N, C-alpha and C. Protein backbone atom coordinates (compact mmCIF):
# COMPACT_ATOMS: atom_id res chain seq x y z
N MET A 1 118.85 111.77 97.12
CA MET A 1 117.47 111.50 97.54
C MET A 1 117.47 110.34 98.53
N ARG A 2 116.58 110.42 99.49
CA ARG A 2 116.42 109.34 100.47
C ARG A 2 115.33 108.39 99.95
N ILE A 3 115.73 107.16 99.67
CA ILE A 3 114.83 106.16 99.08
C ILE A 3 114.58 105.06 100.10
N GLY A 4 113.33 104.77 100.35
CA GLY A 4 112.95 103.67 101.23
C GLY A 4 112.36 102.54 100.41
N ILE A 5 113.02 101.40 100.40
CA ILE A 5 112.58 100.25 99.62
C ILE A 5 111.90 99.25 100.55
N LEU A 6 110.65 98.95 100.28
CA LEU A 6 109.94 97.94 101.06
C LEU A 6 110.15 96.60 100.37
N GLY A 7 110.86 95.70 101.05
CA GLY A 7 111.19 94.40 100.49
C GLY A 7 112.68 94.16 100.53
N THR A 8 113.08 93.04 101.12
CA THR A 8 114.51 92.74 101.29
C THR A 8 114.97 91.60 100.38
N GLY A 9 114.15 91.26 99.37
CA GLY A 9 114.53 90.21 98.44
C GLY A 9 115.53 90.70 97.41
N ILE A 10 115.74 89.91 96.37
CA ILE A 10 116.75 90.23 95.37
C ILE A 10 116.42 91.54 94.66
N VAL A 11 115.15 91.83 94.43
CA VAL A 11 114.79 93.08 93.75
C VAL A 11 115.16 94.28 94.63
N GLY A 12 114.71 94.25 95.87
CA GLY A 12 115.02 95.36 96.78
C GLY A 12 116.50 95.56 96.98
N GLN A 13 117.23 94.46 97.17
CA GLN A 13 118.67 94.58 97.40
C GLN A 13 119.41 95.09 96.17
N THR A 14 119.03 94.60 94.99
CA THR A 14 119.72 95.02 93.77
C THR A 14 119.44 96.49 93.46
N LEU A 15 118.19 96.90 93.56
CA LEU A 15 117.86 98.31 93.35
C LEU A 15 118.59 99.18 94.38
N GLY A 16 118.57 98.74 95.63
CA GLY A 16 119.20 99.53 96.68
C GLY A 16 120.69 99.69 96.46
N THR A 17 121.37 98.62 96.09
CA THR A 17 122.81 98.69 95.85
C THR A 17 123.12 99.62 94.68
N HIS A 18 122.33 99.52 93.63
CA HIS A 18 122.57 100.37 92.46
C HIS A 18 122.36 101.84 92.80
N TRP A 19 121.29 102.14 93.50
CA TRP A 19 121.00 103.54 93.82
C TRP A 19 121.98 104.10 94.83
N LEU A 20 122.49 103.28 95.72
CA LEU A 20 123.57 103.73 96.60
C LEU A 20 124.77 104.18 95.78
N GLY A 21 125.07 103.42 94.74
CA GLY A 21 126.20 103.75 93.88
C GLY A 21 126.01 105.05 93.13
N LEU A 22 124.77 105.50 93.01
CA LEU A 22 124.48 106.76 92.34
C LEU A 22 124.41 107.93 93.32
N GLY A 23 124.69 107.65 94.59
CA GLY A 23 124.74 108.71 95.58
C GLY A 23 123.50 108.91 96.41
N HIS A 24 122.51 108.04 96.25
CA HIS A 24 121.29 108.17 97.05
C HIS A 24 121.48 107.52 98.42
N GLU A 25 120.67 107.91 99.38
CA GLU A 25 120.58 107.23 100.67
C GLU A 25 119.46 106.20 100.57
N VAL A 26 119.73 104.97 100.98
CA VAL A 26 118.75 103.90 100.78
C VAL A 26 118.51 103.15 102.08
N GLY A 27 117.25 102.97 102.41
CA GLY A 27 116.86 102.11 103.52
C GLY A 27 116.06 100.94 102.99
N LEU A 28 116.35 99.76 103.50
CA LEU A 28 115.67 98.53 103.09
C LEU A 28 114.76 98.08 104.22
N GLY A 29 113.48 97.88 103.91
CA GLY A 29 112.51 97.59 104.95
C GLY A 29 111.89 96.22 104.86
N SER A 30 111.53 95.68 106.01
CA SER A 30 110.83 94.39 106.10
C SER A 30 109.83 94.46 107.25
N ARG A 31 109.19 93.35 107.52
CA ARG A 31 108.17 93.35 108.57
C ARG A 31 108.75 93.69 109.94
N THR A 32 109.99 93.28 110.19
CA THR A 32 110.63 93.55 111.46
C THR A 32 111.96 94.26 111.22
N SER A 33 112.38 95.03 112.19
CA SER A 33 113.62 95.79 112.03
C SER A 33 114.86 94.91 112.05
N GLY A 34 114.74 93.68 112.55
CA GLY A 34 115.90 92.80 112.66
C GLY A 34 116.00 91.77 111.56
N ASN A 35 115.39 92.01 110.40
CA ASN A 35 115.43 91.05 109.31
C ASN A 35 116.88 90.73 108.93
N PRO A 36 117.27 89.45 108.95
CA PRO A 36 118.68 89.12 108.68
C PRO A 36 119.14 89.47 107.28
N GLU A 37 118.27 89.33 106.27
CA GLU A 37 118.66 89.70 104.91
C GLU A 37 118.95 91.20 104.82
N GLY A 38 118.09 91.99 105.42
CA GLY A 38 118.29 93.43 105.42
C GLY A 38 119.54 93.83 106.19
N GLN A 39 119.78 93.15 107.30
CA GLN A 39 120.97 93.45 108.10
C GLN A 39 122.23 93.15 107.32
N ARG A 40 122.27 92.00 106.66
CA ARG A 40 123.46 91.63 105.88
C ARG A 40 123.69 92.61 104.74
N TRP A 41 122.59 93.00 104.07
CA TRP A 41 122.73 93.95 102.97
C TRP A 41 123.29 95.27 103.45
N ALA A 42 122.72 95.82 104.51
CA ALA A 42 123.16 97.12 105.01
C ALA A 42 124.60 97.09 105.50
N THR A 43 124.97 95.99 106.14
CA THR A 43 126.34 95.87 106.64
C THR A 43 127.35 95.79 105.50
N GLY A 44 127.00 95.09 104.44
CA GLY A 44 127.93 94.90 103.34
C GLY A 44 127.87 95.97 102.27
N ALA A 45 126.92 96.89 102.36
CA ALA A 45 126.75 97.90 101.31
C ALA A 45 127.79 99.01 101.44
N SER A 46 128.08 99.61 100.32
CA SER A 46 128.97 100.78 100.29
C SER A 46 128.11 102.03 100.13
N GLY A 47 128.12 102.87 101.15
CA GLY A 47 127.31 104.07 101.10
C GLY A 47 126.34 104.14 102.26
N PRO A 48 125.50 105.17 102.29
CA PRO A 48 124.57 105.39 103.39
C PRO A 48 123.37 104.43 103.33
N ALA A 49 123.60 103.19 103.76
CA ALA A 49 122.57 102.15 103.71
C ALA A 49 122.08 101.83 105.11
N THR A 50 120.78 101.68 105.25
CA THR A 50 120.19 101.28 106.52
C THR A 50 119.16 100.20 106.28
N CYS A 51 118.75 99.55 107.34
CA CYS A 51 117.64 98.60 107.25
C CYS A 51 116.77 98.80 108.48
N GLY A 52 115.52 98.40 108.36
CA GLY A 52 114.60 98.55 109.46
C GLY A 52 113.25 97.98 109.09
N SER A 53 112.25 98.34 109.84
CA SER A 53 110.90 97.89 109.54
C SER A 53 110.34 98.72 108.37
N PHE A 54 109.23 98.27 107.81
CA PHE A 54 108.56 99.05 106.77
C PHE A 54 108.30 100.48 107.26
N GLN A 55 107.86 100.59 108.48
CA GLN A 55 107.55 101.90 109.06
C GLN A 55 108.82 102.74 109.19
N ASP A 56 109.91 102.12 109.63
CA ASP A 56 111.16 102.85 109.82
C ASP A 56 111.65 103.48 108.51
N VAL A 57 111.72 102.68 107.44
CA VAL A 57 112.31 103.19 106.21
C VAL A 57 111.38 104.17 105.51
N ALA A 58 110.07 103.98 105.66
CA ALA A 58 109.12 104.93 105.06
C ALA A 58 109.18 106.28 105.76
N ALA A 59 109.42 106.27 107.06
CA ALA A 59 109.45 107.52 107.81
C ALA A 59 110.56 108.43 107.32
N ASP A 60 111.70 107.87 106.95
CA ASP A 60 112.85 108.67 106.54
C ASP A 60 112.90 108.96 105.04
N ALA A 61 112.03 108.32 104.27
CA ALA A 61 112.17 108.35 102.81
C ALA A 61 111.48 109.55 102.17
N GLU A 62 112.09 110.02 101.09
CA GLU A 62 111.43 110.97 100.19
C GLU A 62 110.68 110.23 99.09
N LEU A 63 111.23 109.10 98.66
CA LEU A 63 110.59 108.23 97.67
C LEU A 63 110.50 106.84 98.26
N ILE A 64 109.32 106.21 98.13
CA ILE A 64 109.11 104.85 98.63
C ILE A 64 108.97 103.92 97.44
N VAL A 65 109.64 102.78 97.49
CA VAL A 65 109.59 101.79 96.42
C VAL A 65 108.95 100.52 96.97
N ASN A 66 107.87 100.09 96.33
CA ASN A 66 107.25 98.83 96.72
C ASN A 66 107.88 97.69 95.94
N ALA A 67 108.76 96.95 96.60
CA ALA A 67 109.41 95.79 96.00
C ALA A 67 109.06 94.52 96.76
N THR A 68 107.88 94.53 97.38
CA THR A 68 107.39 93.34 98.07
C THR A 68 106.65 92.44 97.08
N PRO A 69 106.48 91.15 97.39
CA PRO A 69 105.62 90.32 96.53
C PRO A 69 104.23 90.93 96.44
N GLY A 70 103.68 90.98 95.23
CA GLY A 70 102.43 91.69 95.02
C GLY A 70 101.27 91.22 95.87
N GLN A 71 101.28 89.93 96.23
CA GLN A 71 100.17 89.41 97.02
C GLN A 71 100.14 89.98 98.43
N VAL A 72 101.27 90.51 98.92
CA VAL A 72 101.32 91.03 100.29
C VAL A 72 101.65 92.52 100.32
N SER A 73 101.64 93.17 99.16
CA SER A 73 102.05 94.58 99.09
C SER A 73 101.15 95.47 99.94
N LEU A 74 99.85 95.27 99.89
CA LEU A 74 98.95 96.13 100.66
C LEU A 74 99.17 95.96 102.16
N ILE A 75 99.48 94.74 102.58
CA ILE A 75 99.74 94.49 104.00
C ILE A 75 101.03 95.20 104.42
N ALA A 76 102.05 95.11 103.58
CA ALA A 76 103.33 95.76 103.89
C ALA A 76 103.17 97.28 103.96
N LEU A 77 102.49 97.84 102.99
CA LEU A 77 102.31 99.29 102.96
C LEU A 77 101.43 99.77 104.12
N GLU A 78 100.49 98.94 104.53
CA GLU A 78 99.64 99.32 105.66
C GLU A 78 100.47 99.56 106.91
N GLN A 79 101.53 98.79 107.09
CA GLN A 79 102.39 98.96 108.26
C GLN A 79 103.11 100.31 108.24
N ALA A 80 103.22 100.91 107.05
CA ALA A 80 103.90 102.19 106.91
C ALA A 80 102.93 103.33 106.66
N ARG A 81 101.64 103.10 106.83
CA ARG A 81 100.60 104.08 106.45
C ARG A 81 100.89 105.48 107.00
N ALA A 82 101.34 105.57 108.23
CA ALA A 82 101.52 106.88 108.86
C ALA A 82 102.55 107.74 108.15
N HIS A 83 103.36 107.13 107.27
CA HIS A 83 104.46 107.86 106.64
C HIS A 83 104.35 107.88 105.11
N LEU A 84 103.16 107.61 104.58
CA LEU A 84 102.99 107.56 103.13
C LEU A 84 102.38 108.83 102.55
N GLY A 85 101.69 109.60 103.35
CA GLY A 85 100.99 110.76 102.86
C GLY A 85 101.92 111.77 102.18
N GLY A 86 101.54 112.20 100.98
CA GLY A 86 102.30 113.20 100.26
C GLY A 86 103.55 112.67 99.57
N LYS A 87 103.81 111.37 99.66
CA LYS A 87 105.03 110.81 99.09
C LYS A 87 104.72 110.02 97.81
N VAL A 88 105.74 109.92 96.96
CA VAL A 88 105.64 109.12 95.75
C VAL A 88 105.94 107.67 96.11
N ILE A 89 105.08 106.76 95.66
CA ILE A 89 105.31 105.33 95.80
C ILE A 89 105.57 104.76 94.42
N LEU A 90 106.78 104.32 94.16
CA LEU A 90 107.12 103.64 92.92
C LEU A 90 106.82 102.16 93.12
N ASP A 91 105.82 101.67 92.41
CA ASP A 91 105.38 100.28 92.54
C ASP A 91 106.00 99.45 91.43
N VAL A 92 106.92 98.56 91.79
CA VAL A 92 107.57 97.69 90.80
C VAL A 92 107.08 96.25 90.91
N ALA A 93 106.07 96.01 91.74
CA ALA A 93 105.64 94.65 92.06
C ALA A 93 104.56 94.15 91.11
N ASN A 94 104.35 92.84 91.14
CA ASN A 94 103.29 92.20 90.38
C ASN A 94 102.60 91.17 91.27
N ALA A 95 101.27 91.17 91.23
CA ALA A 95 100.50 90.21 92.02
C ALA A 95 100.12 89.04 91.12
N LEU A 96 100.84 87.94 91.26
CA LEU A 96 100.65 86.78 90.39
C LEU A 96 100.06 85.61 91.16
N ASP A 97 99.17 84.88 90.52
CA ASP A 97 98.48 83.74 91.12
C ASP A 97 98.95 82.46 90.42
N PHE A 98 99.75 81.66 91.13
CA PHE A 98 100.28 80.42 90.58
C PHE A 98 99.45 79.20 90.99
N SER A 99 98.25 79.42 91.53
CA SER A 99 97.47 78.31 92.08
C SER A 99 97.09 77.28 91.02
N ASN A 100 97.01 77.70 89.76
CA ASN A 100 96.67 76.76 88.68
C ASN A 100 97.87 76.47 87.79
N GLY A 101 99.05 76.65 88.34
CA GLY A 101 100.25 76.30 87.59
C GLY A 101 100.84 77.45 86.82
N PHE A 102 101.64 77.10 85.83
CA PHE A 102 102.41 78.08 85.05
C PHE A 102 101.90 78.11 83.62
N PRO A 103 101.77 79.26 82.98
CA PRO A 103 102.03 80.60 83.52
C PRO A 103 100.93 81.06 84.46
N PRO A 104 101.23 81.96 85.35
CA PRO A 104 100.24 82.37 86.35
C PRO A 104 99.21 83.32 85.79
N ALA A 105 98.13 83.45 86.53
CA ALA A 105 97.14 84.50 86.24
C ALA A 105 97.47 85.71 87.11
N LEU A 106 96.84 86.82 86.81
CA LEU A 106 96.99 87.99 87.66
C LEU A 106 96.03 87.86 88.84
N ALA A 107 96.56 88.01 90.04
CA ALA A 107 95.73 87.88 91.23
C ALA A 107 94.69 88.98 91.32
N VAL A 108 94.90 90.09 90.62
CA VAL A 108 93.96 91.21 90.67
C VAL A 108 92.96 91.17 89.53
N GLY A 109 93.05 90.19 88.65
CA GLY A 109 92.16 90.12 87.51
C GLY A 109 92.61 91.05 86.39
N THR A 110 91.74 91.27 85.42
CA THR A 110 92.10 92.10 84.27
C THR A 110 91.43 93.47 84.27
N ASN A 111 90.56 93.73 85.23
CA ASN A 111 89.86 95.01 85.29
C ASN A 111 90.36 95.88 86.44
N ASP A 112 91.54 95.56 86.94
CA ASP A 112 92.13 96.30 88.04
C ASP A 112 93.64 96.10 87.95
N SER A 113 94.37 96.75 88.82
CA SER A 113 95.82 96.54 88.89
C SER A 113 96.26 96.69 90.33
N LEU A 114 97.40 96.11 90.64
CA LEU A 114 97.96 96.27 91.98
C LEU A 114 98.21 97.74 92.27
N ALA A 115 98.73 98.46 91.28
CA ALA A 115 99.02 99.88 91.48
C ALA A 115 97.77 100.66 91.86
N GLU A 116 96.66 100.38 91.18
CA GLU A 116 95.41 101.07 91.50
C GLU A 116 94.89 100.69 92.88
N GLN A 117 95.07 99.43 93.25
CA GLN A 117 94.66 99.01 94.59
C GLN A 117 95.46 99.76 95.65
N ILE A 118 96.74 99.94 95.40
CA ILE A 118 97.57 100.68 96.34
C ILE A 118 97.11 102.13 96.42
N GLN A 119 96.82 102.74 95.27
CA GLN A 119 96.38 104.14 95.27
C GLN A 119 95.05 104.30 96.01
N ARG A 120 94.12 103.37 95.82
CA ARG A 120 92.84 103.46 96.53
C ARG A 120 93.03 103.29 98.04
N ALA A 121 93.95 102.41 98.41
CA ALA A 121 94.17 102.15 99.83
C ALA A 121 94.89 103.31 100.52
N PHE A 122 95.70 104.04 99.75
CA PHE A 122 96.50 105.13 100.32
C PHE A 122 96.32 106.39 99.45
N PRO A 123 95.15 106.99 99.52
CA PRO A 123 94.81 108.09 98.59
C PRO A 123 95.66 109.33 98.76
N ASP A 124 96.35 109.47 99.88
CA ASP A 124 97.18 110.66 100.10
C ASP A 124 98.59 110.50 99.52
N ALA A 125 98.90 109.32 98.99
CA ALA A 125 100.19 109.09 98.34
C ALA A 125 100.03 109.24 96.83
N TYR A 126 101.16 109.24 96.13
CA TYR A 126 101.16 109.37 94.67
C TYR A 126 101.81 108.12 94.08
N VAL A 127 101.00 107.22 93.57
CA VAL A 127 101.50 105.94 93.10
C VAL A 127 101.89 106.04 91.63
N VAL A 128 103.08 105.52 91.32
CA VAL A 128 103.56 105.44 89.95
C VAL A 128 104.00 104.01 89.69
N LYS A 129 103.51 103.42 88.60
CA LYS A 129 103.89 102.06 88.23
C LYS A 129 105.01 102.11 87.20
N SER A 130 106.06 101.33 87.44
CA SER A 130 107.15 101.24 86.47
C SER A 130 108.05 100.08 86.84
N LEU A 131 108.89 99.67 85.90
CA LEU A 131 109.94 98.66 86.09
C LEU A 131 109.42 97.26 86.39
N ASN A 132 108.12 97.03 86.24
CA ASN A 132 107.56 95.74 86.61
C ASN A 132 107.55 94.74 85.45
N THR A 133 108.02 95.14 84.27
CA THR A 133 107.92 94.29 83.08
C THR A 133 109.24 93.65 82.70
N MET A 134 110.17 93.55 83.65
CA MET A 134 111.51 93.05 83.34
C MET A 134 112.16 92.50 84.61
N PRO A 135 113.20 91.69 84.46
CA PRO A 135 113.93 91.22 85.64
C PRO A 135 114.78 92.35 86.21
N VAL A 136 115.17 92.21 87.46
CA VAL A 136 115.89 93.28 88.13
C VAL A 136 117.24 93.54 87.49
N GLU A 137 117.83 92.53 86.85
CA GLU A 137 119.12 92.75 86.18
C GLU A 137 119.01 93.84 85.11
N ILE A 138 117.86 93.91 84.43
CA ILE A 138 117.66 94.92 83.40
C ILE A 138 117.18 96.23 84.01
N MET A 139 116.44 96.17 85.11
CA MET A 139 116.02 97.40 85.77
C MET A 139 117.19 98.33 86.02
N VAL A 140 118.31 97.78 86.48
CA VAL A 140 119.45 98.60 86.87
C VAL A 140 120.51 98.70 85.78
N ALA A 141 120.36 97.93 84.70
CA ALA A 141 121.35 97.95 83.62
C ALA A 141 120.64 97.73 82.29
N PRO A 142 119.90 98.72 81.81
CA PRO A 142 119.13 98.53 80.57
C PRO A 142 120.00 98.16 79.37
N GLN A 143 121.28 98.56 79.37
CA GLN A 143 122.16 98.24 78.25
C GLN A 143 122.59 96.78 78.24
N ALA A 144 122.21 96.03 79.27
CA ALA A 144 122.59 94.62 79.34
C ALA A 144 121.92 93.79 78.25
N VAL A 145 120.83 94.29 77.69
CA VAL A 145 120.10 93.58 76.64
C VAL A 145 119.85 94.53 75.48
N GLY A 146 120.22 94.12 74.30
CA GLY A 146 119.92 94.90 73.10
C GLY A 146 120.43 96.31 73.13
N ASP A 147 121.56 96.53 73.81
CA ASP A 147 122.14 97.88 73.91
C ASP A 147 121.15 98.92 74.42
N GLY A 148 120.19 98.46 75.22
CA GLY A 148 119.22 99.38 75.79
C GLY A 148 118.08 99.75 74.87
N GLU A 149 117.98 99.08 73.73
CA GLU A 149 116.93 99.42 72.77
C GLU A 149 115.63 98.68 73.11
N HIS A 150 115.14 98.96 74.28
CA HIS A 150 113.86 98.40 74.74
C HIS A 150 113.25 99.40 75.70
N ASP A 151 112.01 99.15 76.11
CA ASP A 151 111.23 100.19 76.76
C ASP A 151 110.92 99.88 78.22
N VAL A 152 110.83 100.95 78.99
CA VAL A 152 110.31 100.89 80.34
C VAL A 152 109.07 101.77 80.37
N PHE A 153 108.02 101.27 80.99
CA PHE A 153 106.73 101.95 80.98
C PHE A 153 106.48 102.67 82.30
N VAL A 154 105.76 103.78 82.23
CA VAL A 154 105.44 104.57 83.41
C VAL A 154 103.95 104.90 83.39
N SER A 155 103.27 104.63 84.50
CA SER A 155 101.85 104.96 84.63
C SER A 155 101.63 105.71 85.94
N GLY A 156 100.79 106.73 85.90
CA GLY A 156 100.49 107.47 87.13
C GLY A 156 99.54 108.61 86.86
N ASP A 157 98.84 109.03 87.91
CA ASP A 157 97.86 110.09 87.77
C ASP A 157 98.43 111.48 88.04
N ASP A 158 99.59 111.55 88.66
CA ASP A 158 100.17 112.84 89.04
C ASP A 158 101.43 113.09 88.21
N ALA A 159 101.43 114.19 87.45
CA ALA A 159 102.56 114.47 86.55
C ALA A 159 103.86 114.69 87.31
N ALA A 160 103.80 115.38 88.43
CA ALA A 160 105.02 115.64 89.20
C ALA A 160 105.59 114.35 89.77
N ALA A 161 104.73 113.46 90.22
CA ALA A 161 105.19 112.18 90.76
C ALA A 161 105.83 111.34 89.67
N LYS A 162 105.23 111.35 88.49
CA LYS A 162 105.82 110.61 87.37
C LYS A 162 107.19 111.18 87.01
N GLN A 163 107.33 112.50 87.10
CA GLN A 163 108.62 113.10 86.76
C GLN A 163 109.70 112.68 87.75
N VAL A 164 109.35 112.53 89.01
CA VAL A 164 110.31 112.03 90.01
C VAL A 164 110.83 110.66 89.59
N VAL A 165 109.92 109.80 89.15
CA VAL A 165 110.30 108.45 88.73
C VAL A 165 111.10 108.51 87.43
N VAL A 166 110.68 109.32 86.48
CA VAL A 166 111.42 109.44 85.22
C VAL A 166 112.84 109.93 85.47
N ASP A 167 113.00 110.91 86.34
CA ASP A 167 114.34 111.41 86.66
C ASP A 167 115.21 110.30 87.26
N LEU A 168 114.61 109.47 88.11
CA LEU A 168 115.37 108.35 88.68
C LEU A 168 115.74 107.34 87.61
N LEU A 169 114.81 107.07 86.69
CA LEU A 169 115.11 106.14 85.60
C LEU A 169 116.25 106.67 84.73
N LEU A 170 116.26 107.95 84.47
CA LEU A 170 117.32 108.53 83.65
C LEU A 170 118.68 108.36 84.31
N THR A 171 118.74 108.63 85.61
CA THR A 171 120.02 108.47 86.30
C THR A 171 120.40 106.99 86.44
N THR A 172 119.40 106.12 86.41
CA THR A 172 119.67 104.69 86.50
C THR A 172 120.25 104.14 85.20
N GLY A 173 120.10 104.87 84.10
CA GLY A 173 120.70 104.45 82.84
C GLY A 173 119.73 104.31 81.68
N TRP A 174 118.46 104.63 81.92
CA TRP A 174 117.47 104.53 80.86
C TRP A 174 117.54 105.75 79.95
N HIS A 175 117.45 105.55 78.65
CA HIS A 175 117.42 106.66 77.70
C HIS A 175 116.02 107.27 77.67
N ASN A 176 115.98 108.57 77.53
CA ASN A 176 114.71 109.28 77.57
C ASN A 176 113.73 108.77 76.52
N ASP A 177 114.24 108.42 75.32
CA ASP A 177 113.34 107.97 74.26
C ASP A 177 112.88 106.54 74.45
N ARG A 178 113.34 105.88 75.50
CA ARG A 178 112.89 104.52 75.82
C ARG A 178 112.04 104.48 77.09
N ILE A 179 111.73 105.65 77.63
CA ILE A 179 110.82 105.75 78.77
C ILE A 179 109.46 106.13 78.23
N THR A 180 108.53 105.19 78.23
CA THR A 180 107.22 105.38 77.61
C THR A 180 106.17 105.67 78.67
N ASP A 181 105.66 106.90 78.66
CA ASP A 181 104.59 107.30 79.57
C ASP A 181 103.28 106.79 79.00
N LEU A 182 102.69 105.80 79.66
CA LEU A 182 101.45 105.21 79.17
C LEU A 182 100.23 106.06 79.49
N GLY A 183 100.36 106.98 80.46
CA GLY A 183 99.22 107.81 80.83
C GLY A 183 98.81 107.59 82.27
N PRO A 184 97.51 107.64 82.57
CA PRO A 184 97.04 107.56 83.95
C PRO A 184 97.33 106.20 84.58
N LEU A 185 97.12 106.13 85.88
CA LEU A 185 97.47 104.91 86.62
C LEU A 185 96.68 103.71 86.14
N SER A 186 95.52 103.91 85.57
CA SER A 186 94.72 102.79 85.06
C SER A 186 95.46 102.02 83.97
N THR A 187 96.44 102.64 83.31
CA THR A 187 97.21 101.94 82.29
C THR A 187 98.19 100.93 82.90
N ALA A 188 98.34 100.97 84.21
CA ALA A 188 99.15 99.94 84.87
C ALA A 188 98.55 98.55 84.67
N ARG A 189 97.25 98.49 84.38
CA ARG A 189 96.63 97.19 84.11
C ARG A 189 97.32 96.52 82.92
N ALA A 190 97.57 97.30 81.87
CA ALA A 190 98.22 96.76 80.68
C ALA A 190 99.64 96.32 80.99
N ALA A 191 100.36 97.16 81.75
CA ALA A 191 101.74 96.81 82.09
C ALA A 191 101.80 95.53 82.93
N GLU A 192 100.88 95.39 83.87
CA GLU A 192 100.87 94.18 84.70
C GLU A 192 100.45 92.96 83.90
N LEU A 193 99.60 93.16 82.90
CA LEU A 193 99.17 92.04 82.06
C LEU A 193 100.33 91.45 81.24
N LEU A 194 101.41 92.20 81.09
CA LEU A 194 102.57 91.69 80.35
C LEU A 194 103.30 90.59 81.12
N LEU A 195 103.09 90.51 82.41
CA LEU A 195 103.88 89.57 83.20
C LEU A 195 103.67 88.11 82.86
N PRO A 196 102.42 87.64 82.70
CA PRO A 196 102.28 86.24 82.27
C PRO A 196 102.96 85.97 80.94
N LEU A 197 102.88 86.94 80.01
CA LEU A 197 103.57 86.78 78.73
C LEU A 197 105.08 86.75 78.95
N TRP A 198 105.58 87.64 79.78
CA TRP A 198 107.03 87.67 80.06
C TRP A 198 107.51 86.33 80.60
N LEU A 199 106.75 85.76 81.52
CA LEU A 199 107.13 84.48 82.11
C LEU A 199 107.12 83.36 81.07
N SER A 200 106.15 83.38 80.17
CA SER A 200 106.08 82.36 79.12
C SER A 200 107.26 82.48 78.16
N VAL A 201 107.58 83.72 77.76
CA VAL A 201 108.72 83.94 76.88
C VAL A 201 110.01 83.53 77.56
N MET A 202 110.14 83.87 78.83
CA MET A 202 111.33 83.48 79.58
C MET A 202 111.48 81.97 79.61
N GLN A 203 110.39 81.26 79.88
CA GLN A 203 110.44 79.81 79.93
C GLN A 203 110.81 79.23 78.57
N HIS A 204 110.25 79.77 77.51
CA HIS A 204 110.52 79.27 76.17
C HIS A 204 111.96 79.56 75.74
N SER A 205 112.45 80.74 76.08
CA SER A 205 113.79 81.13 75.63
C SER A 205 114.90 80.56 76.51
N GLY A 206 114.55 80.21 77.73
CA GLY A 206 115.56 79.70 78.65
C GLY A 206 116.44 80.78 79.25
N SER A 207 116.01 82.04 79.16
CA SER A 207 116.81 83.15 79.69
C SER A 207 115.92 84.08 80.49
N ARG A 208 116.46 84.58 81.61
CA ARG A 208 115.76 85.60 82.39
C ARG A 208 115.84 86.97 81.73
N LEU A 209 116.84 87.18 80.91
CA LEU A 209 117.09 88.51 80.36
C LEU A 209 116.18 88.77 79.16
N VAL A 210 114.91 88.91 79.47
CA VAL A 210 113.86 89.12 78.47
C VAL A 210 113.11 90.39 78.85
N THR A 211 112.85 91.24 77.86
CA THR A 211 112.06 92.43 78.12
C THR A 211 111.33 92.83 76.83
N PHE A 212 110.67 93.98 76.84
CA PHE A 212 109.80 94.36 75.75
C PHE A 212 110.31 95.62 75.04
N SER A 213 110.18 95.61 73.74
CA SER A 213 110.56 96.76 72.92
C SER A 213 109.37 97.18 72.07
N VAL A 214 109.08 98.47 72.06
CA VAL A 214 108.01 99.02 71.24
C VAL A 214 108.63 99.52 69.93
N VAL A 215 108.18 98.98 68.83
CA VAL A 215 108.68 99.39 67.52
C VAL A 215 107.66 100.32 66.88
N LYS A 216 108.08 101.54 66.60
CA LYS A 216 107.17 102.55 66.08
C LYS A 216 107.37 102.72 64.58
N ALA A 217 106.29 102.83 63.85
CA ALA A 217 106.38 102.99 62.38
C ALA A 217 106.81 104.42 62.05
C-alpha cells in the first residue's frame, strides 16, 4: 500500500520506518518539499521511501496519515485538499492546549474532536481516529508493554475505511482482540479526552511507555 504521512516529526518518521519494513511504500510530507528532516529520513530509509510537500505525498497515497501537531492539522491537510477526496485519513494527532500549563486542556473542547473537525473540513474523505492514546514506541510495537495486553481504539463513520485501518493495525502487530471499535467518529472525542490523563500518568510514573487496557468482566 502507498502511505502518505503528513508530518516529519518523530511520530511520522517512526511510523514510516516501521511500515516500510512491512513492505509498504511511504512518503513523508511537510509544508515544503525540501524539508531537511524529511530528506534525511528518506535518504537513510530502507525501502521505497520518499519525501515531499503535503500535496506531493497525498497525491501518490492510497492511505493518508495525519501525524502533524493537532493545532495545525487542518492547515496541513488544507494544502493537500485536492488529493484527499475518496481517501482514508488515519488521524493519530491530538490538539492540546498548554497555555495554562500541565496537564494541558483539549484545544477542541469536550463537545468536539480533531477527527470530527477534519471530517467536516474534508467531507469527501473518510476519517478514522486511532493510535492517538499512546506514544509512538507502542504504536509500532504493542508487545513492548504488557506483552501487548492493552487496547488500541478505532473510531469512524465508514465501515470500509475502518477496516483499512484495522488491517494495517493487524500487520503492525496489534492483536485482533485488542483492537476496540468504539463506533462512529463522534467517539473520537472520548479517545482524545484520554490524552490529558495519559500525560498525567506519564508524568507521575516517570515513563513514556504508558497506555490503556480495557478489562472486561
